[in-house]
Amino acid sequence: MIGTQLFAQIERDKALHYLGGNLFGLVGAGVAKQISDGNRAWTFVGAVAGGALIGLGKEAVDSGQEGNQWDNDDLVATILGGVTVGVTIEIFSKKRNKKKPMGSLTTQRLDWKDFSITSGPNAVLTLSTELPDLTTSMRYTFNP
């Protein structure tokens, strides 16, 4: 029972072709991104073309060897590796919404009315040592 091969598993050869398509798709995407100044469409095309070119090259070499032949399934696995890289790059490189949030928990707007300014030779800005209430705003004092 342990020695039987499961037909649901992908052949090792196809997995290697897929990995090769991933790697050369990444190279193709990088080259296309540099050439097109970051155009997302050309980056995707570069990823697919990188996977397709290495797949075509590998199958051309295989068909020229004795005892080996062209395998369309290997070519498809390699091209799918490039497509996967292209889709992954597209998903993670989408421009984020650049709108500023309406409010922020880390920024507090300061008003000059919140400061108590007194003059003196060693005047420094100090914060109150009390923790603020949730219902009142924090007051800053400027003590000499």
N, C-alpha and C. Protein backbone atom coordinates (compact mmCIF):
# COMPACT_ATOMS: atom_id res chain seq x y z
N MET A 1 0.82 -1.19 0.00
CA MET A 1 0.00 0.00 0.00
C MET A 1 0.87 1.26 0.00
N ILE A 2 1.96 1.25 0.77
CA ILE A 2 2.82 2.44 0.84
C ILE A 2 3.53 2.66 -0.49
N GLY A 3 3.88 1.62 -1.17
CA GLY A 3 4.65 1.73 -2.40
C GLY A 3 3.84 2.14 -3.61
N THR A 4 2.53 2.19 -3.51
CA THR A 4 1.73 2.54 -4.69
C THR A 4 1.84 4.03 -4.96
N GLN A 5 1.79 4.35 -6.22
CA GLN A 5 1.89 5.75 -6.62
C GLN A 5 0.49 6.35 -6.70
N LEU A 6 0.33 7.51 -6.13
CA LEU A 6 -0.96 8.19 -6.20
C LEU A 6 -1.02 9.00 -7.49
N PHE A 7 -2.10 8.86 -8.21
CA PHE A 7 -2.23 9.55 -9.49
C PHE A 7 -2.60 11.01 -9.32
N ALA A 8 -3.01 11.42 -8.13
CA ALA A 8 -3.37 12.81 -7.90
C ALA A 8 -2.15 13.71 -7.77
N GLN A 9 -0.98 13.11 -7.56
CA GLN A 9 0.22 13.91 -7.41
C GLN A 9 0.75 14.33 -8.78
N ILE A 10 1.40 15.48 -8.79
CA ILE A 10 2.00 15.98 -10.02
C ILE A 10 3.35 15.32 -10.19
N GLU A 11 3.67 14.98 -11.42
CA GLU A 11 4.97 14.38 -11.70
C GLU A 11 6.09 15.34 -11.30
N ARG A 12 7.20 14.79 -10.88
CA ARG A 12 8.34 15.60 -10.47
C ARG A 12 8.83 16.48 -11.62
N ASP A 13 8.80 15.93 -12.83
CA ASP A 13 9.25 16.69 -14.00
C ASP A 13 8.38 17.93 -14.23
N LYS A 14 7.09 17.79 -14.06
CA LYS A 14 6.18 18.94 -14.26
C LYS A 14 6.41 19.99 -13.18
N ALA A 15 6.66 19.54 -11.96
CA ALA A 15 6.92 20.48 -10.87
C ALA A 15 8.22 21.25 -11.13
N LEU A 16 9.22 20.58 -11.68
CA LEU A 16 10.47 21.27 -12.01
C LEU A 16 10.28 22.26 -13.15
N HIS A 17 9.46 21.90 -14.13
CA HIS A 17 9.15 22.84 -15.21
C HIS A 17 8.41 24.06 -14.67
N TYR A 18 7.48 23.84 -13.75
CA TYR A 18 6.74 24.93 -13.13
C TYR A 18 7.70 25.85 -12.36
N LEU A 19 8.62 25.28 -11.62
CA LEU A 19 9.61 26.06 -10.88
C LEU A 19 10.50 26.85 -11.82
N GLY A 20 10.92 26.22 -12.92
CA GLY A 20 11.72 26.94 -13.92
C GLY A 20 10.94 28.10 -14.52
N GLY A 21 9.64 27.88 -14.77
CA GLY A 21 8.80 28.96 -15.28
C GLY A 21 8.67 30.09 -14.28
N ASN A 22 8.61 29.74 -12.98
CA ASN A 22 8.58 30.76 -11.93
C ASN A 22 9.84 31.61 -11.96
N LEU A 23 10.98 30.94 -11.99
CA LEU A 23 12.25 31.66 -11.92
C LEU A 23 12.48 32.54 -13.15
N PHE A 24 12.25 31.97 -14.33
CA PHE A 24 12.47 32.77 -15.54
C PHE A 24 11.35 33.78 -15.77
N GLY A 25 10.18 33.52 -15.24
CA GLY A 25 9.11 34.52 -15.27
C GLY A 25 9.46 35.71 -14.41
N LEU A 26 10.11 35.45 -13.28
CA LEU A 26 10.56 36.54 -12.42
C LEU A 26 11.63 37.38 -13.11
N VAL A 27 12.53 36.71 -13.80
CA VAL A 27 13.57 37.44 -14.55
C VAL A 27 12.92 38.26 -15.66
N GLY A 28 11.99 37.64 -16.40
CA GLY A 28 11.31 38.36 -17.49
C GLY A 28 10.52 39.55 -16.98
N ALA A 29 9.86 39.39 -15.82
CA ALA A 29 9.10 40.50 -15.25
C ALA A 29 10.03 41.63 -14.83
N GLY A 30 11.19 41.28 -14.26
CA GLY A 30 12.14 42.32 -13.86
C GLY A 30 12.69 43.09 -15.04
N VAL A 31 13.02 42.37 -16.09
CA VAL A 31 13.54 43.04 -17.30
C VAL A 31 12.46 43.92 -17.92
N ALA A 32 11.25 43.39 -18.04
CA ALA A 32 10.16 44.17 -18.64
C ALA A 32 9.81 45.40 -17.80
N LYS A 33 9.90 45.26 -16.49
CA LYS A 33 9.60 46.40 -15.61
C LYS A 33 10.63 47.51 -15.80
N GLN A 34 11.90 47.12 -15.93
CA GLN A 34 12.96 48.11 -16.14
C GLN A 34 12.82 48.79 -17.49
N ILE A 35 12.53 48.01 -18.52
CA ILE A 35 12.42 48.57 -19.87
C ILE A 35 11.21 49.48 -20.01
N SER A 36 10.08 49.08 -19.38
CA SER A 36 8.84 49.84 -19.55
C SER A 36 8.62 50.89 -18.46
N ASP A 37 9.62 51.14 -17.64
CA ASP A 37 9.52 52.11 -16.54
C ASP A 37 8.38 51.79 -15.58
N GLY A 38 8.21 50.51 -15.26
CA GLY A 38 7.25 50.12 -14.25
C GLY A 38 5.83 49.89 -14.73
N ASN A 39 5.61 49.82 -16.04
CA ASN A 39 4.27 49.57 -16.56
C ASN A 39 3.83 48.17 -16.15
N ARG A 40 2.68 48.09 -15.46
CA ARG A 40 2.22 46.82 -14.91
C ARG A 40 1.84 45.82 -15.99
N ALA A 41 1.26 46.28 -17.08
CA ALA A 41 0.85 45.36 -18.15
C ALA A 41 2.08 44.71 -18.78
N TRP A 42 3.10 45.52 -19.05
CA TRP A 42 4.31 44.96 -19.66
C TRP A 42 5.07 44.07 -18.68
N THR A 43 4.97 44.36 -17.40
CA THR A 43 5.59 43.50 -16.40
C THR A 43 4.95 42.12 -16.43
N PHE A 44 3.62 42.06 -16.53
CA PHE A 44 2.92 40.78 -16.62
C PHE A 44 3.30 40.04 -17.90
N VAL A 45 3.33 40.77 -19.02
CA VAL A 45 3.70 40.16 -20.29
C VAL A 45 5.14 39.62 -20.22
N GLY A 46 6.03 40.36 -19.57
CA GLY A 46 7.41 39.91 -19.41
C GLY A 46 7.51 38.63 -18.60
N ALA A 47 6.67 38.50 -17.56
CA ALA A 47 6.68 37.28 -16.75
C ALA A 47 6.22 36.08 -17.56
N VAL A 48 5.15 36.25 -18.31
CA VAL A 48 4.63 35.15 -19.14
C VAL A 48 5.62 34.83 -20.26
N ALA A 49 6.18 35.85 -20.88
CA ALA A 49 7.14 35.63 -21.96
C ALA A 49 8.40 34.94 -21.44
N GLY A 50 8.86 35.31 -20.25
CA GLY A 50 10.04 34.65 -19.67
C GLY A 50 9.80 33.16 -19.46
N GLY A 51 8.61 32.82 -18.92
CA GLY A 51 8.27 31.41 -18.73
C GLY A 51 8.11 30.69 -20.06
N ALA A 52 7.48 31.35 -21.02
CA ALA A 52 7.25 30.72 -22.33
C ALA A 52 8.57 30.50 -23.08
N LEU A 53 9.47 31.48 -23.03
CA LEU A 53 10.74 31.33 -23.75
C LEU A 53 11.59 30.21 -23.19
N ILE A 54 11.67 30.11 -21.88
CA ILE A 54 12.48 29.04 -21.32
C ILE A 54 11.82 27.68 -21.57
N GLY A 55 10.49 27.65 -21.57
CA GLY A 55 9.79 26.40 -21.87
C GLY A 55 10.00 25.96 -23.30
N LEU A 56 9.91 26.90 -24.24
CA LEU A 56 10.15 26.57 -25.64
C LEU A 56 11.58 26.11 -25.86
N GLY A 57 12.52 26.81 -25.22
CA GLY A 57 13.92 26.43 -25.36
C GLY A 57 14.19 25.03 -24.81
N LYS A 58 13.65 24.74 -23.64
CA LYS A 58 13.86 23.41 -23.03
C LYS A 58 13.25 22.31 -23.88
N GLU A 59 12.05 22.53 -24.39
CA GLU A 59 11.42 21.51 -25.22
C GLU A 59 12.12 21.36 -26.56
N ALA A 60 12.68 22.44 -27.09
CA ALA A 60 13.46 22.33 -28.33
C ALA A 60 14.71 21.49 -28.09
N VAL A 61 15.36 21.68 -26.97
CA VAL A 61 16.54 20.88 -26.63
C VAL A 61 16.13 19.42 -26.44
N ASP A 62 15.01 19.20 -25.72
CA ASP A 62 14.54 17.83 -25.49
C ASP A 62 14.21 17.11 -26.80
N SER A 63 13.58 17.83 -27.74
CA SER A 63 13.19 17.17 -28.99
C SER A 63 14.40 16.83 -29.85
N GLY A 64 15.52 17.51 -29.64
CA GLY A 64 16.73 17.23 -30.41
C GLY A 64 17.56 16.09 -29.84
N GLN A 65 17.24 15.66 -28.63
CA GLN A 65 18.00 14.58 -28.00
C GLN A 65 17.41 13.23 -28.39
N GLU A 66 18.29 12.26 -28.55
CA GLU A 66 17.82 10.92 -28.87
C GLU A 66 17.18 10.30 -27.63
N GLY A 67 16.06 9.68 -27.81
CA GLY A 67 15.32 9.06 -26.71
C GLY A 67 14.48 10.05 -25.93
N ASN A 68 14.38 11.26 -26.40
CA ASN A 68 13.59 12.29 -25.74
C ASN A 68 12.72 12.96 -26.79
N GLN A 69 11.65 13.56 -26.40
CA GLN A 69 10.76 14.18 -27.37
C GLN A 69 10.11 15.43 -26.79
N TRP A 70 9.48 16.17 -27.68
CA TRP A 70 8.73 17.37 -27.30
C TRP A 70 7.55 16.96 -26.44
N ASP A 71 7.32 17.68 -25.32
CA ASP A 71 6.21 17.38 -24.43
C ASP A 71 5.42 18.66 -24.17
N ASN A 72 4.22 18.73 -24.73
CA ASN A 72 3.38 19.92 -24.55
C ASN A 72 2.99 20.13 -23.09
N ASP A 73 2.85 19.06 -22.33
CA ASP A 73 2.50 19.21 -20.91
C ASP A 73 3.62 19.90 -20.14
N ASP A 74 4.86 19.58 -20.47
CA ASP A 74 5.98 20.27 -19.84
C ASP A 74 5.99 21.75 -20.21
N LEU A 75 5.69 22.04 -21.48
CA LEU A 75 5.64 23.43 -21.93
C LEU A 75 4.55 24.20 -21.19
N VAL A 76 3.38 23.59 -21.05
CA VAL A 76 2.27 24.24 -20.34
C VAL A 76 2.63 24.48 -18.87
N ALA A 77 3.29 23.51 -18.24
CA ALA A 77 3.69 23.67 -16.84
C ALA A 77 4.68 24.83 -16.69
N THR A 78 5.59 24.98 -17.63
CA THR A 78 6.57 26.06 -17.58
C THR A 78 5.89 27.42 -17.79
N ILE A 79 4.98 27.48 -18.76
CA ILE A 79 4.27 28.74 -19.02
C ILE A 79 3.39 29.11 -17.81
N LEU A 80 2.76 28.12 -17.19
CA LEU A 80 1.94 28.40 -16.00
C LEU A 80 2.79 28.94 -14.86
N GLY A 81 4.05 28.51 -14.77
CA GLY A 81 4.95 29.09 -13.78
C GLY A 81 5.14 30.58 -14.00
N GLY A 82 5.32 30.98 -15.26
CA GLY A 82 5.45 32.40 -15.59
C GLY A 82 4.18 33.17 -15.33
N VAL A 83 3.04 32.57 -15.66
CA VAL A 83 1.75 33.22 -15.42
C VAL A 83 1.54 33.44 -13.92
N THR A 84 1.90 32.43 -13.12
CA THR A 84 1.75 32.55 -11.67
C THR A 84 2.56 33.71 -11.13
N VAL A 85 3.79 33.86 -11.59
CA VAL A 85 4.62 34.98 -11.15
C VAL A 85 4.00 36.31 -11.58
N GLY A 86 3.51 36.36 -12.83
CA GLY A 86 2.88 37.59 -13.31
C GLY A 86 1.66 37.98 -12.50
N VAL A 87 0.82 37.02 -12.18
CA VAL A 87 -0.37 37.31 -11.37
C VAL A 87 0.02 37.73 -9.96
N THR A 88 1.02 37.06 -9.39
CA THR A 88 1.46 37.41 -8.04
C THR A 88 2.02 38.82 -7.99
N ILE A 89 2.82 39.17 -8.96
CA ILE A 89 3.37 40.53 -9.01
C ILE A 89 2.24 41.54 -9.18
N GLU A 90 1.27 41.23 -10.02
CA GLU A 90 0.14 42.13 -10.24
C GLU A 90 -0.66 42.34 -8.96
N ILE A 91 -0.88 41.28 -8.22
CA ILE A 91 -1.66 41.39 -6.98
C ILE A 91 -0.94 42.27 -5.96
N PHE A 92 0.36 42.04 -5.80
CA PHE A 92 1.09 42.74 -4.75
C PHE A 92 1.62 44.10 -5.16
N SER A 93 1.54 44.47 -6.43
CA SER A 93 2.05 45.77 -6.84
C SER A 93 0.94 46.76 -7.17
N LYS A 94 -0.30 46.42 -6.87
CA LYS A 94 -1.37 47.38 -7.11
C LYS A 94 -1.16 48.60 -6.24
N LYS A 95 -1.42 49.75 -6.83
CA LYS A 95 -1.23 50.99 -6.08
C LYS A 95 -2.30 51.08 -5.01
N ARG A 96 -1.83 51.41 -3.84
CA ARG A 96 -2.74 51.56 -2.72
C ARG A 96 -3.50 52.88 -2.85
N ASN A 97 -4.65 52.93 -2.25
CA ASN A 97 -5.43 54.15 -2.24
C ASN A 97 -4.66 55.21 -1.45
N LYS A 98 -4.30 56.29 -2.11
CA LYS A 98 -3.43 57.29 -1.49
C LYS A 98 -4.21 58.34 -0.71
N LYS A 99 -5.50 58.16 -0.51
CA LYS A 99 -6.27 59.12 0.25
C LYS A 99 -5.82 59.11 1.70
N LYS A 100 -5.76 60.29 2.27
CA LYS A 100 -5.38 60.38 3.67
C LYS A 100 -6.58 60.02 4.53
N PRO A 101 -6.35 59.37 5.65
CA PRO A 101 -7.48 59.02 6.51
C PRO A 101 -8.12 60.27 7.10
N MET A 102 -9.39 60.15 7.42
CA MET A 102 -10.13 61.29 7.98
C MET A 102 -9.60 61.67 9.36
N GLY A 103 -9.18 60.74 10.11
CA GLY A 103 -8.65 61.00 11.44
C GLY A 103 -7.53 60.02 11.73
N SER A 104 -6.73 60.35 12.70
CA SER A 104 -5.64 59.46 13.03
C SER A 104 -5.54 59.33 14.53
N LEU A 105 -5.22 58.14 14.98
CA LEU A 105 -5.07 57.93 16.42
C LEU A 105 -3.70 58.36 16.91
N THR A 106 -2.76 58.57 16.01
CA THR A 106 -1.41 58.91 16.43
C THR A 106 -1.11 60.39 16.31
N THR A 107 -1.98 61.17 15.73
CA THR A 107 -1.72 62.59 15.54
C THR A 107 -2.77 63.39 16.29
N GLN A 108 -2.30 64.37 17.03
CA GLN A 108 -3.22 65.25 17.74
C GLN A 108 -3.01 66.66 17.23
N ARG A 109 -4.08 67.32 16.89
CA ARG A 109 -3.97 68.69 16.42
C ARG A 109 -3.76 69.60 17.62
N LEU A 110 -2.76 70.46 17.51
CA LEU A 110 -2.43 71.37 18.61
C LEU A 110 -2.93 72.76 18.29
N ASP A 111 -3.39 73.42 19.30
CA ASP A 111 -3.85 74.79 19.16
C ASP A 111 -3.07 75.64 20.15
N TRP A 112 -2.74 76.88 19.79
CA TRP A 112 -1.97 77.74 20.68
C TRP A 112 -2.69 77.99 21.99
N LYS A 113 -4.01 77.88 22.00
CA LYS A 113 -4.77 78.08 23.23
C LYS A 113 -4.47 76.98 24.24
N ASP A 114 -3.97 75.83 23.79
CA ASP A 114 -3.67 74.72 24.68
C ASP A 114 -2.38 74.93 25.47
N PHE A 115 -1.57 75.94 25.09
CA PHE A 115 -0.29 76.16 25.75
C PHE A 115 -0.41 77.28 26.77
N SER A 116 0.24 77.09 27.89
CA SER A 116 0.35 78.12 28.90
C SER A 116 1.78 78.64 28.82
N ILE A 117 1.96 79.84 28.30
CA ILE A 117 3.29 80.35 28.03
C ILE A 117 3.67 81.35 29.12
N THR A 118 4.77 81.09 29.75
CA THR A 118 5.35 82.04 30.71
C THR A 118 6.80 82.24 30.32
N SER A 119 7.30 83.42 30.63
CA SER A 119 8.68 83.72 30.24
C SER A 119 9.61 83.40 31.39
N GLY A 120 10.86 83.20 31.05
CA GLY A 120 11.87 82.92 32.06
C GLY A 120 13.15 82.47 31.39
N PRO A 121 14.27 82.49 32.11
CA PRO A 121 15.54 82.12 31.49
C PRO A 121 15.64 80.64 31.14
N ASN A 122 14.97 79.77 31.87
CA ASN A 122 15.06 78.34 31.63
C ASN A 122 13.69 77.77 31.26
N ALA A 123 12.97 78.42 30.39
CA ALA A 123 11.63 77.99 30.03
C ALA A 123 11.71 76.74 29.16
N VAL A 124 10.92 75.73 29.49
CA VAL A 124 10.86 74.49 28.71
C VAL A 124 9.41 74.10 28.53
N LEU A 125 9.16 73.32 27.52
CA LEU A 125 7.82 72.81 27.26
C LEU A 125 7.66 71.51 28.04
N THR A 126 6.67 71.45 28.91
CA THR A 126 6.45 70.23 29.69
C THR A 126 5.03 69.74 29.48
N LEU A 127 4.89 68.45 29.59
CA LEU A 127 3.57 67.85 29.52
C LEU A 127 3.06 67.64 30.93
N SER A 128 1.78 67.62 31.06
CA SER A 128 1.18 67.32 32.34
C SER A 128 1.53 65.90 32.74
N THR A 129 1.73 65.66 34.03
CA THR A 129 2.08 64.31 34.48
C THR A 129 0.85 63.45 34.70
N GLU A 130 -0.33 64.02 34.59
CA GLU A 130 -1.56 63.26 34.76
C GLU A 130 -1.94 62.62 33.43
N LEU A 131 -2.52 61.44 33.51
CA LEU A 131 -3.06 60.83 32.31
C LEU A 131 -4.36 61.52 31.95
N PRO A 132 -4.60 61.78 30.66
CA PRO A 132 -5.82 62.48 30.28
C PRO A 132 -7.04 61.59 30.36
N ASP A 133 -8.18 62.22 30.57
CA ASP A 133 -9.46 61.53 30.51
C ASP A 133 -9.76 61.20 29.05
N LEU A 134 -10.61 60.24 28.84
CA LEU A 134 -11.03 59.96 27.47
C LEU A 134 -11.98 61.03 26.95
N THR A 135 -12.59 61.78 27.85
CA THR A 135 -13.58 62.77 27.44
C THR A 135 -13.00 64.16 27.32
N THR A 136 -11.79 64.40 27.82
CA THR A 136 -11.19 65.73 27.74
C THR A 136 -9.92 65.65 26.92
N SER A 137 -9.52 66.77 26.36
CA SER A 137 -8.30 66.78 25.56
C SER A 137 -7.09 67.01 26.46
N MET A 138 -5.93 66.60 26.01
CA MET A 138 -4.70 66.75 26.77
C MET A 138 -4.27 68.22 26.71
N ARG A 139 -3.89 68.76 27.81
CA ARG A 139 -3.44 70.14 27.87
C ARG A 139 -1.92 70.17 28.02
N TYR A 140 -1.27 71.03 27.28
CA TYR A 140 0.17 71.19 27.36
C TYR A 140 0.47 72.48 28.09
N THR A 141 1.47 72.48 28.88
CA THR A 141 1.87 73.73 29.56
C THR A 141 3.31 74.03 29.23
N PHE A 142 3.59 75.29 29.17
CA PHE A 142 4.94 75.76 28.89
C PHE A 142 5.42 76.47 30.15
N ASN A 143 6.27 75.80 30.95
CA ASN A 143 6.71 76.35 32.23
C ASN A 143 8.18 76.75 32.16
N PRO A 144 8.52 77.83 32.84
CA PRO A 144 9.94 78.24 32.85
C PRO A 144 10.76 77.38 33.79
